[in-house]
Amino acid sequence: MEYILGGAAAVVAAPILLPAMGFTAFGGVLAPLLPSQMVALAPVLSGGGVPAGGMVALLQSAGAAGISEAGNAALAAVWAVAAGVANAL
């Protein structure tokens, strides 16, 4: 049961949490929230520029355009497994 609840909670919460964290559809990331700090740190860690396909790019894309059906399925699967693992501990 924890698997189902964890996956469902992630799918419901993601569209609410991403904009609340600062990953928005309007004007990119919001400062001084977490995304602006991630954008500032990504070039340092990657040797220059924000890597395409990296975590910052993925989160900004999801915050700006929403999460696709495939993305929702992946999100639900990851969080379902995480909920099950957390319950087992």
C-alpha atoms as a PDB file:
ATOM      1  CA  MET A   1       0.000   0.000   0.000  1.00  0.00           C
ATOM      2  CA  GLU A   2       2.901   2.359   0.761  1.00  0.00           C
ATOM      3  CA  TYR A   3       4.100   1.946  -2.823  1.00  0.00           C
ATOM      4  CA  ILE A   4       0.816   3.155  -4.275  1.00  0.00           C
ATOM      5  CA  LEU A   5       0.499   6.061  -1.852  1.00  0.00           C
ATOM      6  CA  GLY A   6       4.109   7.148  -2.407  1.00  0.00           C
ATOM      7  CA  GLY A   7       3.742   7.110  -6.186  1.00  0.00           C
ATOM      8  CA  ALA A   8       0.389   8.895  -6.138  1.00  0.00           C
ATOM      9  CA  ALA A   9       1.639  11.542  -3.718  1.00  0.00           C
ATOM     10  CA  ALA A  10       4.629  12.309  -5.946  1.00  0.00           C
ATOM     11  CA  VAL A  11       2.472  12.726  -9.059  1.00  0.00           C
ATOM     12  CA  VAL A  12       0.035  15.015  -7.233  1.00  0.00           C
ATOM     13  CA  ALA A  13       2.712  17.018  -5.413  1.00  0.00           C
ATOM     14  CA  ALA A  14       5.182  17.623  -8.260  1.00  0.00           C
ATOM     15  CA  PRO A  15       3.138  20.248 -10.164  1.00  0.00           C
ATOM     16  CA  ILE A  16       2.615  22.110  -6.895  1.00  0.00           C
ATOM     17  CA  LEU A  17       6.130  21.795  -5.480  1.00  0.00           C
ATOM     18  CA  LEU A  18       8.155  22.666  -8.591  1.00  0.00           C
ATOM     19  CA  PRO A  19       6.731  26.208  -8.934  1.00  0.00           C
ATOM     20  CA  ALA A  20       6.790  26.635  -5.146  1.00  0.00           C
ATOM     21  CA  MET A  21      10.508  25.769  -5.182  1.00  0.00           C
ATOM     22  CA  GLY A  22      11.125  28.355  -7.905  1.00  0.00           C
ATOM     23  CA  PHE A  23      11.073  26.355 -11.151  1.00  0.00           C
ATOM     24  CA  THR A  24       8.516  28.448 -13.019  1.00  0.00           C
ATOM     25  CA  ALA A  25       7.088  28.840 -16.499  1.00  0.00           C
ATOM     26  CA  PHE A  26       7.520  32.616 -16.329  1.00  0.00           C
ATOM     27  CA  GLY A  27      11.010  34.063 -16.443  1.00  0.00           C
ATOM     28  CA  GLY A  28      12.965  30.926 -15.607  1.00  0.00           C
ATOM     29  CA  VAL A  29      14.112  30.275 -12.063  1.00  0.00           C
ATOM     30  CA  LEU A  30      13.298  32.586  -9.188  1.00  0.00           C
ATOM     31  CA  ALA A  31      16.046  34.064  -7.031  1.00  0.00           C
ATOM     32  CA  PRO A  32      17.030  33.607  -4.180  1.00  0.00           C
ATOM     33  CA  LEU A  33      15.365  30.214  -4.083  1.00  0.00           C
ATOM     34  CA  LEU A  34      17.019  26.810  -4.534  1.00  0.00           C
ATOM     35  CA  PRO A  35      16.909  26.798  -8.365  1.00  0.00           C
ATOM     36  CA  SER A  36      18.962  29.978  -8.653  1.00  0.00           C
ATOM     37  CA  GLN A  37      21.581  28.459  -6.386  1.00  0.00           C
ATOM     38  CA  MET A  38      21.554  25.285  -8.489  1.00  0.00           C
ATOM     39  CA  VAL A  39      21.974  27.314 -11.702  1.00  0.00           C
ATOM     40  CA  ALA A  40      24.909  29.152 -10.144  1.00  0.00           C
ATOM     41  CA  LEU A  41      26.570  25.940  -8.938  1.00  0.00           C
ATOM     42  CA  ALA A  42      26.011  23.767 -12.048  1.00  0.00           C
ATOM     43  CA  PRO A  43      28.660  25.476 -14.234  1.00  0.00           C
ATOM     44  CA  VAL A  44      31.222  25.173 -11.453  1.00  0.00           C
ATOM     45  CA  LEU A  45      30.611  21.447 -11.083  1.00  0.00           C
ATOM     46  CA  SER A  46      30.372  20.702 -14.800  1.00  0.00           C
ATOM     47  CA  GLY A  47      33.254  22.838 -15.992  1.00  0.00           C
ATOM     48  CA  GLY A  48      31.115  25.574 -17.554  1.00  0.00           C
ATOM     49  CA  GLY A  49      27.479  26.034 -18.445  1.00  0.00           C
ATOM     50  CA  VAL A  50      24.384  24.247 -17.223  1.00  0.00           C
ATOM     51  CA  PRO A  51      24.545  20.759 -18.746  1.00  0.00           C
ATOM     52  CA  ALA A  52      21.706  19.837 -21.093  1.00  0.00           C
ATOM     53  CA  GLY A  53      19.796  16.909 -19.674  1.00  0.00           C
ATOM     54  CA  GLY A  54      21.135  17.546 -16.180  1.00  0.00           C
ATOM     55  CA  MET A  55      19.075  17.843 -13.017  1.00  0.00           C
ATOM     56  CA  VAL A  56      18.723  21.644 -13.235  1.00  0.00           C
ATOM     57  CA  ALA A  57      17.605  21.494 -16.871  1.00  0.00           C
ATOM     58  CA  LEU A  58      15.190  18.642 -16.147  1.00  0.00           C
ATOM     59  CA  LEU A  59      13.573  20.399 -13.195  1.00  0.00           C
ATOM     60  CA  GLN A  60      13.309  23.718 -15.040  1.00  0.00           C
ATOM     61  CA  SER A  61      11.730  22.006 -18.024  1.00  0.00           C
ATOM     62  CA  ALA A  62       9.219  20.231 -15.807  1.00  0.00           C
ATOM     63  CA  GLY A  63       8.445  23.453 -13.941  1.00  0.00           C
ATOM     64  CA  ALA A  64       7.981  25.429 -17.142  1.00  0.00           C
ATOM     65  CA  ALA A  65       6.151  22.951 -19.383  1.00  0.00           C
ATOM     66  CA  GLY A  66       4.698  20.503 -16.897  1.00  0.00           C
ATOM     67  CA  ILE A  67       5.393  16.814 -16.589  1.00  0.00           C
ATOM     68  CA  SER A  68       4.506  14.455 -19.428  1.00  0.00           C
ATOM     69  CA  GLU A  69       2.612  11.195 -18.960  1.00  0.00           C
ATOM     70  CA  ALA A  70       5.870   9.282 -19.272  1.00  0.00           C
ATOM     71  CA  GLY A  71       7.457  11.632 -16.734  1.00  0.00           C
ATOM     72  CA  ASN A  72       4.548  11.094 -14.339  1.00  0.00           C
ATOM     73  CA  ALA A  73       4.906   7.328 -14.724  1.00  0.00           C
ATOM     74  CA  ALA A  74       8.641   7.496 -14.005  1.00  0.00           C
ATOM     75  CA  LEU A  75       8.082   9.842 -11.072  1.00  0.00           C
ATOM     76  CA  ALA A  76       5.430   7.559  -9.607  1.00  0.00           C
ATOM     77  CA  ALA A  77       7.657   4.502 -10.013  1.00  0.00           C
ATOM     78  CA  VAL A  78      10.667   6.108  -8.350  1.00  0.00           C
ATOM     79  CA  TRP A  79       8.668   7.419  -5.416  1.00  0.00           C
ATOM     80  CA  ALA A  80       6.738   4.172  -5.048  1.00  0.00           C
ATOM     81  CA  VAL A  81      10.009   2.278  -4.651  1.00  0.00           C
ATOM     82  CA  ALA A  82      11.367   4.960  -2.305  1.00  0.00           C
ATOM     83  CA  ALA A  83       8.246   4.728  -0.157  1.00  0.00           C
ATOM     84  CA  GLY A  84       8.553   0.964  -0.008  1.00  0.00           C
ATOM     85  CA  VAL A  85      12.228   1.142   0.948  1.00  0.00           C
ATOM     86  CA  ALA A  86      11.530   3.770   3.608  1.00  0.00           C
ATOM     87  CA  ASN A  87       8.769   1.597   5.028  1.00  0.00           C
ATOM     88  CA  ALA A  88      11.081  -1.410   5.148  1.00  0.00           C
ATOM     89  CA  LEU A  89      13.615   0.492   7.237  1.00  0.00           C
END
